[in-house]
Structure formats: C-alpha cells, structure tokens
C-alpha cells in the first residue's frame, strides 16, 4: 500500500513548559505526512478537485495511542501508510518514533467527499474511483 516517511525535529514552539511535545502537534504532523503521501502518488488536492470533483478528503475518524513522550530537540520519524480501502473511505495508519522507540501509533479514516447541493452540509460521500484505488494500493518509491 501507499506509504510516506517524514522526519521532523521537535522545536521549542512544539512543546509545553516542561519541554514535552504538546499533543495537538502530533495530529498536525501525521496529517501533514498523510497529505505528503497522497501528493507523492499524484493526488494533490488541486488535482482531486479538478479531475475528480472532490471537495475534500473529509476526516471521519482519528485516534492515537501514546506510548511515551517526545521532547524539545528530538528527531522524530513519521511513517504513514494506507491500511484499508473501503467503498467511500480509506484508512491511514501512522507511527511516530524516535530512533527505535515508538512514541505513538494512530489511525485516521478519510472519506471521499464530493459537492452535493441536496446535502445539509453541501457534500456527501461517494465511491472512490478505481483509478484512485489503484494509486492507494501502489507502493511508489
């Protein structure tokens, strides 16, 4: 399945006064890693909107299991990979590690959403096209 690896350095502004990473930063980092993964496969948001009419890849669910903490100055490796492809959604699994120590594991569900003027929120889920399924199942590198 499609995978991305990203390395970040924990900066002072990422931390609380105890020099420990403030937990919302992890959500931002894994979100960025997931989007980089999609862009690597040619699925940039502009392409999705223009070619497939996608309004967005709506976040349907997200969760993280924290194993330990990261602190100011740490270098973290983030790995994100597609772990499931459903009808109108797919899951991305994330691992954040410092060297060989796993900081957290997480998973998110993204929903393939298109404009729908008949929906109360203006969008609705629709089946992921076969061409996109093939890209999500690929292993570019």
N, C-alpha and C. Protein backbone atom coordinates (compact mmCIF):
# COMPACT_ATOMS: atom_id res chain seq x y z
N UNK A 1 0.84 -1.19 0.00
CA UNK A 1 0.00 0.00 0.00
C UNK A 1 0.88 1.25 0.00
N UNK A 2 0.29 2.34 -0.35
CA UNK A 2 0.97 3.63 -0.42
C UNK A 2 1.53 4.02 0.95
N UNK A 3 2.78 4.50 0.96
CA UNK A 3 3.46 4.83 2.22
C UNK A 3 4.25 6.13 2.08
N UNK A 4 4.42 6.82 3.18
CA UNK A 4 5.26 8.02 3.22
C UNK A 4 6.07 8.01 4.50
N UNK A 5 7.30 8.52 4.40
CA UNK A 5 8.13 8.70 5.58
C UNK A 5 8.55 10.16 5.64
N UNK A 6 8.51 10.71 6.84
CA UNK A 6 8.82 12.12 7.04
C UNK A 6 9.60 12.25 8.35
N UNK A 7 10.60 13.09 8.34
CA UNK A 7 11.40 13.32 9.55
C UNK A 7 11.20 14.77 9.99
N UNK A 8 10.99 14.96 11.29
CA UNK A 8 10.86 16.31 11.83
C UNK A 8 11.73 16.45 13.08
N UNK A 9 12.11 17.66 13.37
CA UNK A 9 12.82 17.97 14.61
C UNK A 9 11.86 18.70 15.52
N UNK A 10 11.77 18.28 16.75
CA UNK A 10 10.88 18.93 17.71
C UNK A 10 11.48 20.29 18.08
N UNK A 11 10.73 21.33 17.78
CA UNK A 11 11.15 22.70 18.06
C UNK A 11 10.57 23.18 19.39
N UNK A 12 11.12 24.26 19.90
CA UNK A 12 10.68 24.82 21.19
C UNK A 12 9.17 25.10 21.17
N UNK A 13 8.68 25.66 20.08
CA UNK A 13 7.27 26.01 19.98
C UNK A 13 6.33 24.81 19.92
N UNK A 14 6.89 23.61 19.74
CA UNK A 14 6.08 22.39 19.72
C UNK A 14 5.79 21.87 21.12
N UNK A 15 6.44 22.48 22.13
CA UNK A 15 6.45 21.91 23.48
C UNK A 15 5.68 22.75 24.49
N UNK A 16 5.32 22.08 25.57
CA UNK A 16 4.73 22.78 26.72
C UNK A 16 5.88 23.26 27.62
N UNK A 17 5.58 23.94 28.72
CA UNK A 17 6.66 24.46 29.58
C UNK A 17 7.60 23.39 30.14
N UNK A 18 7.16 22.12 30.16
CA UNK A 18 8.02 21.04 30.65
C UNK A 18 8.90 20.47 29.54
N UNK A 19 8.90 21.11 28.36
CA UNK A 19 9.70 20.69 27.19
C UNK A 19 9.18 19.42 26.53
N UNK A 20 7.96 19.00 26.88
CA UNK A 20 7.32 17.82 26.30
C UNK A 20 6.43 18.28 25.15
N UNK A 21 6.41 17.51 24.05
CA UNK A 21 5.59 17.88 22.90
C UNK A 21 4.13 17.99 23.33
N UNK A 22 3.53 19.13 22.99
CA UNK A 22 2.12 19.39 23.25
C UNK A 22 1.33 18.52 22.27
N UNK A 23 0.45 17.66 22.78
CA UNK A 23 -0.15 16.59 21.99
C UNK A 23 -0.81 17.01 20.67
N UNK A 24 -1.43 18.20 20.53
CA UNK A 24 -2.01 18.54 19.22
C UNK A 24 -0.98 18.60 18.09
N UNK A 25 0.29 18.82 18.42
CA UNK A 25 1.33 18.87 17.38
C UNK A 25 1.42 17.54 16.64
N UNK A 26 1.22 16.43 17.36
CA UNK A 26 1.28 15.12 16.72
C UNK A 26 0.20 15.00 15.63
N UNK A 27 -1.00 15.51 15.92
CA UNK A 27 -2.08 15.47 14.94
C UNK A 27 -1.69 16.26 13.70
N UNK A 28 -1.07 17.41 13.89
CA UNK A 28 -0.63 18.22 12.77
C UNK A 28 0.44 17.49 11.95
N UNK A 29 1.40 16.88 12.62
CA UNK A 29 2.48 16.18 11.92
C UNK A 29 1.98 14.98 11.13
N UNK A 30 1.11 14.15 11.72
CA UNK A 30 0.64 12.98 10.99
C UNK A 30 -0.30 13.40 9.85
N UNK A 31 -1.05 14.48 10.05
CA UNK A 31 -1.88 15.00 8.97
C UNK A 31 -1.01 15.41 7.79
N UNK A 32 0.06 16.14 8.07
CA UNK A 32 0.98 16.56 7.00
C UNK A 32 1.60 15.34 6.31
N UNK A 33 2.01 14.35 7.07
CA UNK A 33 2.61 13.16 6.49
C UNK A 33 1.62 12.43 5.58
N UNK A 34 0.38 12.33 6.01
CA UNK A 34 -0.65 11.71 5.17
C UNK A 34 -0.87 12.45 3.87
N UNK A 35 -0.90 13.78 3.94
CA UNK A 35 -1.08 14.58 2.72
C UNK A 35 0.14 14.48 1.81
N UNK A 36 1.34 14.45 2.38
CA UNK A 36 2.54 14.25 1.56
C UNK A 36 2.49 12.91 0.85
N UNK A 37 2.00 11.89 1.53
CA UNK A 37 1.88 10.56 0.95
C UNK A 37 0.96 10.61 -0.28
N UNK A 38 -0.18 11.28 -0.15
CA UNK A 38 -1.12 11.38 -1.25
C UNK A 38 -0.53 12.18 -2.41
N UNK A 39 0.16 13.26 -2.09
CA UNK A 39 0.80 14.07 -3.13
C UNK A 39 1.86 13.28 -3.87
N UNK A 40 2.59 12.42 -3.15
CA UNK A 40 3.62 11.58 -3.76
C UNK A 40 3.01 10.67 -4.83
N UNK A 41 1.75 10.30 -4.65
CA UNK A 41 1.05 9.45 -5.62
C UNK A 41 0.34 10.27 -6.69
N UNK A 42 0.55 11.59 -6.69
CA UNK A 42 -0.09 12.45 -7.68
C UNK A 42 -1.48 12.90 -7.28
N UNK A 43 -1.83 12.72 -6.02
CA UNK A 43 -3.17 13.05 -5.55
C UNK A 43 -3.18 14.36 -4.76
N UNK A 44 -2.64 15.39 -5.36
CA UNK A 44 -2.65 16.73 -4.76
C UNK A 44 -4.10 17.21 -4.73
N UNK A 45 -4.45 18.02 -3.72
CA UNK A 45 -5.83 18.49 -3.58
C UNK A 45 -6.36 19.18 -4.84
N UNK A 46 -5.52 19.96 -5.51
CA UNK A 46 -5.97 20.64 -6.73
C UNK A 46 -6.34 19.63 -7.81
N UNK A 47 -5.55 18.57 -7.94
CA UNK A 47 -5.83 17.52 -8.93
C UNK A 47 -7.13 16.81 -8.57
N UNK A 48 -7.29 16.49 -7.30
CA UNK A 48 -8.51 15.81 -6.87
C UNK A 48 -9.75 16.65 -7.16
N UNK A 49 -9.65 17.93 -6.92
CA UNK A 49 -10.79 18.82 -7.15
C UNK A 49 -11.09 18.96 -8.64
N UNK A 50 -10.05 19.22 -9.44
CA UNK A 50 -10.25 19.47 -10.87
C UNK A 50 -10.63 18.21 -11.64
N UNK A 51 -9.94 17.12 -11.39
CA UNK A 51 -10.15 15.90 -12.18
C UNK A 51 -11.30 15.04 -11.67
N UNK A 52 -11.52 15.01 -10.35
CA UNK A 52 -12.50 14.10 -9.77
C UNK A 52 -13.65 14.78 -9.06
N UNK A 53 -13.62 16.11 -8.99
CA UNK A 53 -14.70 16.84 -8.33
C UNK A 53 -14.73 16.66 -6.82
N UNK A 54 -13.59 16.30 -6.25
CA UNK A 54 -13.53 16.07 -4.82
C UNK A 54 -13.46 17.40 -4.08
N UNK A 55 -14.35 17.58 -3.12
CA UNK A 55 -14.33 18.78 -2.28
C UNK A 55 -13.25 18.64 -1.21
N UNK A 56 -13.07 17.41 -0.77
CA UNK A 56 -12.04 17.15 0.22
C UNK A 56 -12.02 15.69 0.63
N UNK A 57 -10.97 15.35 1.33
CA UNK A 57 -10.87 14.02 1.93
C UNK A 57 -11.20 14.23 3.41
N UNK A 58 -12.48 14.18 3.69
CA UNK A 58 -13.02 14.55 4.99
C UNK A 58 -12.52 13.57 6.06
N UNK A 59 -12.12 14.12 7.18
CA UNK A 59 -11.69 13.30 8.30
C UNK A 59 -12.92 12.72 8.99
N UNK A 60 -13.05 11.40 8.94
CA UNK A 60 -14.20 10.74 9.54
C UNK A 60 -13.92 10.23 10.94
N UNK A 61 -12.67 9.88 11.19
CA UNK A 61 -12.29 9.35 12.49
C UNK A 61 -10.78 9.49 12.64
N UNK A 62 -10.34 9.76 13.87
CA UNK A 62 -8.91 9.83 14.14
C UNK A 62 -8.68 9.38 15.57
N UNK A 63 -7.59 8.67 15.77
CA UNK A 63 -7.25 8.24 17.12
C UNK A 63 -5.76 7.98 17.23
N UNK A 64 -5.24 8.18 18.43
CA UNK A 64 -3.82 7.94 18.69
C UNK A 64 -3.66 7.22 20.01
N UNK A 65 -2.70 6.31 20.03
CA UNK A 65 -2.29 5.63 21.26
C UNK A 65 -0.88 6.09 21.58
N UNK A 66 -0.75 6.85 22.66
CA UNK A 66 0.54 7.39 23.06
C UNK A 66 1.28 6.36 23.91
N UNK A 67 2.51 6.06 23.53
CA UNK A 67 3.33 5.07 24.24
C UNK A 67 4.31 5.75 25.20
N UNK A 68 4.88 6.87 24.78
CA UNK A 68 5.83 7.63 25.59
C UNK A 68 5.83 9.07 25.07
N UNK A 69 6.70 9.90 25.58
CA UNK A 69 6.73 11.30 25.19
C UNK A 69 7.93 11.60 24.31
N UNK A 70 7.83 12.69 23.59
CA UNK A 70 8.96 13.27 22.87
C UNK A 70 9.21 14.63 23.47
N UNK A 71 10.44 15.10 23.37
CA UNK A 71 10.81 16.37 24.00
C UNK A 71 11.57 17.27 23.01
N UNK A 72 11.72 18.52 23.43
CA UNK A 72 12.45 19.51 22.64
C UNK A 72 13.79 18.94 22.18
N UNK A 73 14.07 19.10 20.89
CA UNK A 73 15.33 18.66 20.31
C UNK A 73 15.31 17.26 19.72
N UNK A 74 14.28 16.46 20.03
CA UNK A 74 14.20 15.11 19.46
C UNK A 74 14.02 15.17 17.94
N UNK A 75 14.54 14.17 17.27
CA UNK A 75 14.26 13.96 15.85
C UNK A 75 13.28 12.79 15.76
N UNK A 76 12.16 13.02 15.11
CA UNK A 76 11.11 12.01 15.03
C UNK A 76 10.91 11.58 13.58
N UNK A 77 10.70 10.28 13.41
CA UNK A 77 10.36 9.71 12.10
C UNK A 77 8.89 9.35 12.11
N UNK A 78 8.20 9.85 11.09
CA UNK A 78 6.76 9.59 10.96
C UNK A 78 6.57 8.73 9.73
N UNK A 79 5.90 7.61 9.91
CA UNK A 79 5.56 6.75 8.77
C UNK A 79 4.05 6.68 8.67
N UNK A 80 3.54 6.96 7.49
CA UNK A 80 2.11 6.92 7.23
C UNK A 80 1.87 5.99 6.06
N UNK A 81 0.86 5.14 6.18
CA UNK A 81 0.57 4.23 5.07
C UNK A 81 -0.92 3.91 5.02
N UNK A 82 -1.40 3.73 3.80
CA UNK A 82 -2.79 3.33 3.60
C UNK A 82 -2.91 1.90 4.13
N UNK A 83 -3.87 1.69 5.00
CA UNK A 83 -4.02 0.36 5.61
C UNK A 83 -5.35 -0.33 5.26
N UNK A 84 -6.30 0.44 4.70
CA UNK A 84 -7.58 -0.14 4.30
C UNK A 84 -8.21 0.77 3.26
N UNK A 85 -8.83 0.17 2.27
CA UNK A 85 -9.59 0.93 1.27
C UNK A 85 -11.00 0.36 1.25
N UNK A 86 -11.95 1.21 1.59
CA UNK A 86 -13.35 0.78 1.59
C UNK A 86 -14.06 1.35 0.38
N UNK A 87 -15.37 1.37 0.45
CA UNK A 87 -16.16 1.88 -0.67
C UNK A 87 -15.95 3.37 -0.90
N UNK A 88 -16.21 4.18 0.12
CA UNK A 88 -16.08 5.63 0.01
C UNK A 88 -15.07 6.20 0.99
N UNK A 89 -14.28 5.33 1.62
CA UNK A 89 -13.31 5.81 2.60
C UNK A 89 -12.07 4.93 2.58
N UNK A 90 -11.02 5.45 3.19
CA UNK A 90 -9.80 4.67 3.36
C UNK A 90 -9.16 5.07 4.67
N UNK A 91 -8.37 4.15 5.23
CA UNK A 91 -7.68 4.39 6.49
C UNK A 91 -6.20 4.62 6.23
N UNK A 92 -5.62 5.50 7.04
CA UNK A 92 -4.18 5.73 7.03
C UNK A 92 -3.69 5.42 8.44
N UNK A 93 -2.67 4.58 8.53
CA UNK A 93 -2.06 4.24 9.80
C UNK A 93 -0.77 5.02 9.94
N UNK A 94 -0.53 5.57 11.12
CA UNK A 94 0.65 6.39 11.38
C UNK A 94 1.45 5.79 12.53
N UNK A 95 2.77 5.89 12.41
CA UNK A 95 3.67 5.55 13.52
C UNK A 95 4.66 6.70 13.65
N UNK A 96 4.84 7.18 14.87
CA UNK A 96 5.83 8.21 15.16
C UNK A 96 6.85 7.59 16.10
N UNK A 97 8.13 7.67 15.72
CA UNK A 97 9.18 7.04 16.51
C UNK A 97 10.39 7.95 16.65
N UNK A 98 11.10 7.75 17.74
CA UNK A 98 12.40 8.38 17.97
C UNK A 98 13.40 7.23 17.97
N UNK A 99 14.24 7.20 16.93
CA UNK A 99 15.12 6.05 16.71
C UNK A 99 14.24 4.81 16.66
N UNK A 100 14.41 3.86 17.55
CA UNK A 100 13.58 2.65 17.51
C UNK A 100 12.47 2.66 18.56
N UNK A 101 12.34 3.78 19.28
CA UNK A 101 11.31 3.88 20.31
C UNK A 101 10.04 4.46 19.71
N UNK A 102 8.96 3.70 19.77
CA UNK A 102 7.68 4.18 19.24
C UNK A 102 7.07 5.16 20.24
N UNK A 103 6.80 6.37 19.74
CA UNK A 103 6.17 7.41 20.54
C UNK A 103 4.65 7.23 20.52
N UNK A 104 4.11 6.95 19.33
CA UNK A 104 2.67 6.74 19.22
C UNK A 104 2.35 5.97 17.96
N UNK A 105 1.18 5.36 17.98
CA UNK A 105 0.58 4.80 16.78
C UNK A 105 -0.79 5.45 16.64
N UNK A 106 -1.22 5.62 15.42
CA UNK A 106 -2.50 6.26 15.20
C UNK A 106 -3.14 5.81 13.91
N UNK A 107 -4.40 6.13 13.78
CA UNK A 107 -5.13 5.77 12.57
C UNK A 107 -6.18 6.83 12.30
N UNK A 108 -6.39 7.09 11.02
CA UNK A 108 -7.45 8.01 10.63
C UNK A 108 -8.23 7.41 9.48
N UNK A 109 -9.48 7.80 9.37
CA UNK A 109 -10.32 7.41 8.25
C UNK A 109 -10.63 8.65 7.45
N UNK A 110 -10.34 8.60 6.16
CA UNK A 110 -10.63 9.71 5.25
C UNK A 110 -11.78 9.32 4.33
N UNK A 111 -12.71 10.24 4.14
CA UNK A 111 -13.90 9.99 3.33
C UNK A 111 -13.82 10.76 2.03
N UNK A 112 -14.06 10.08 0.92
CA UNK A 112 -14.05 10.68 -0.42
C UNK A 112 -15.33 11.48 -0.55
N UNK A 113 -15.26 12.80 -0.50
CA UNK A 113 -16.44 13.67 -0.46
C UNK A 113 -16.51 14.57 -1.69
N UNK A 114 -17.68 14.63 -2.30
CA UNK A 114 -17.93 15.48 -3.47
C UNK A 114 -19.05 16.46 -3.15
N UNK A 115 -19.13 17.52 -3.94
CA UNK A 115 -20.20 18.50 -3.77
C UNK A 115 -21.56 17.82 -3.93
N UNK A 116 -22.49 18.19 -3.08
CA UNK A 116 -23.85 17.67 -3.15
C UNK A 116 -24.79 18.75 -2.65
N UNK A 117 -25.43 19.49 -3.58
CA UNK A 117 -26.31 20.59 -3.17
C UNK A 117 -27.55 20.11 -2.41
N UNK A 118 -27.85 18.81 -2.48
CA UNK A 118 -29.01 18.27 -1.77
C UNK A 118 -28.68 17.85 -0.33
N UNK A 119 -27.41 17.90 0.01
CA UNK A 119 -27.00 17.54 1.37
C UNK A 119 -27.05 18.76 2.28
N UNK A 120 -27.36 18.54 3.53
CA UNK A 120 -27.44 19.64 4.50
C UNK A 120 -26.10 20.34 4.67
N UNK A 121 -24.99 19.64 4.45
CA UNK A 121 -23.66 20.24 4.61
C UNK A 121 -22.99 20.55 3.26
N UNK A 122 -23.68 20.27 2.16
CA UNK A 122 -23.16 20.62 0.84
C UNK A 122 -22.21 19.61 0.23
N UNK A 123 -21.92 18.53 0.94
CA UNK A 123 -21.06 17.47 0.42
C UNK A 123 -21.64 16.12 0.82
N UNK A 124 -21.22 15.08 0.10
CA UNK A 124 -21.60 13.73 0.50
C UNK A 124 -20.52 12.75 0.08
N UNK A 125 -20.49 11.62 0.74
CA UNK A 125 -19.53 10.57 0.43
C UNK A 125 -19.96 9.86 -0.84
N UNK A 126 -18.96 9.48 -1.63
CA UNK A 126 -19.24 8.72 -2.84
C UNK A 126 -18.11 7.71 -3.04
N UNK A 127 -18.35 6.73 -3.87
CA UNK A 127 -17.38 5.65 -4.08
C UNK A 127 -16.07 6.20 -4.64
N UNK A 128 -14.98 5.70 -4.10
CA UNK A 128 -13.64 6.06 -4.57
C UNK A 128 -13.44 5.44 -5.95
N UNK A 129 -13.06 6.23 -6.97
CA UNK A 129 -12.85 5.68 -8.31
C UNK A 129 -11.77 4.60 -8.34
N UNK A 130 -11.93 3.64 -9.24
CA UNK A 130 -10.98 2.53 -9.36
C UNK A 130 -9.56 3.02 -9.61
N UNK A 131 -9.40 4.06 -10.40
CA UNK A 131 -8.07 4.62 -10.68
C UNK A 131 -7.39 5.09 -9.39
N UNK A 132 -8.16 5.68 -8.50
CA UNK A 132 -7.62 6.15 -7.21
C UNK A 132 -7.31 4.97 -6.31
N UNK A 133 -8.17 3.97 -6.33
CA UNK A 133 -7.91 2.75 -5.55
C UNK A 133 -6.55 2.15 -5.92
N UNK A 134 -6.28 2.10 -7.23
CA UNK A 134 -5.01 1.54 -7.68
C UNK A 134 -3.83 2.36 -7.17
N UNK A 135 -3.97 3.69 -7.16
CA UNK A 135 -2.89 4.53 -6.64
C UNK A 135 -2.71 4.33 -5.13
N UNK A 136 -3.80 4.19 -4.40
CA UNK A 136 -3.71 3.98 -2.95
C UNK A 136 -3.10 2.62 -2.62
N UNK A 137 -3.29 1.66 -3.50
CA UNK A 137 -2.74 0.32 -3.30
C UNK A 137 -1.29 0.21 -3.74
N UNK A 138 -0.78 1.25 -4.45
CA UNK A 138 0.56 1.19 -5.02
C UNK A 138 1.62 1.45 -3.96
N UNK A 139 2.84 1.21 -4.36
CA UNK A 139 4.00 1.47 -3.48
C UNK A 139 5.04 2.29 -4.25
N UNK A 140 4.72 3.57 -4.56
CA UNK A 140 5.70 4.36 -5.32
C UNK A 140 6.95 4.57 -4.51
N UNK A 141 8.04 4.71 -5.19
CA UNK A 141 9.25 4.92 -4.45
C UNK A 141 10.34 5.21 -5.37
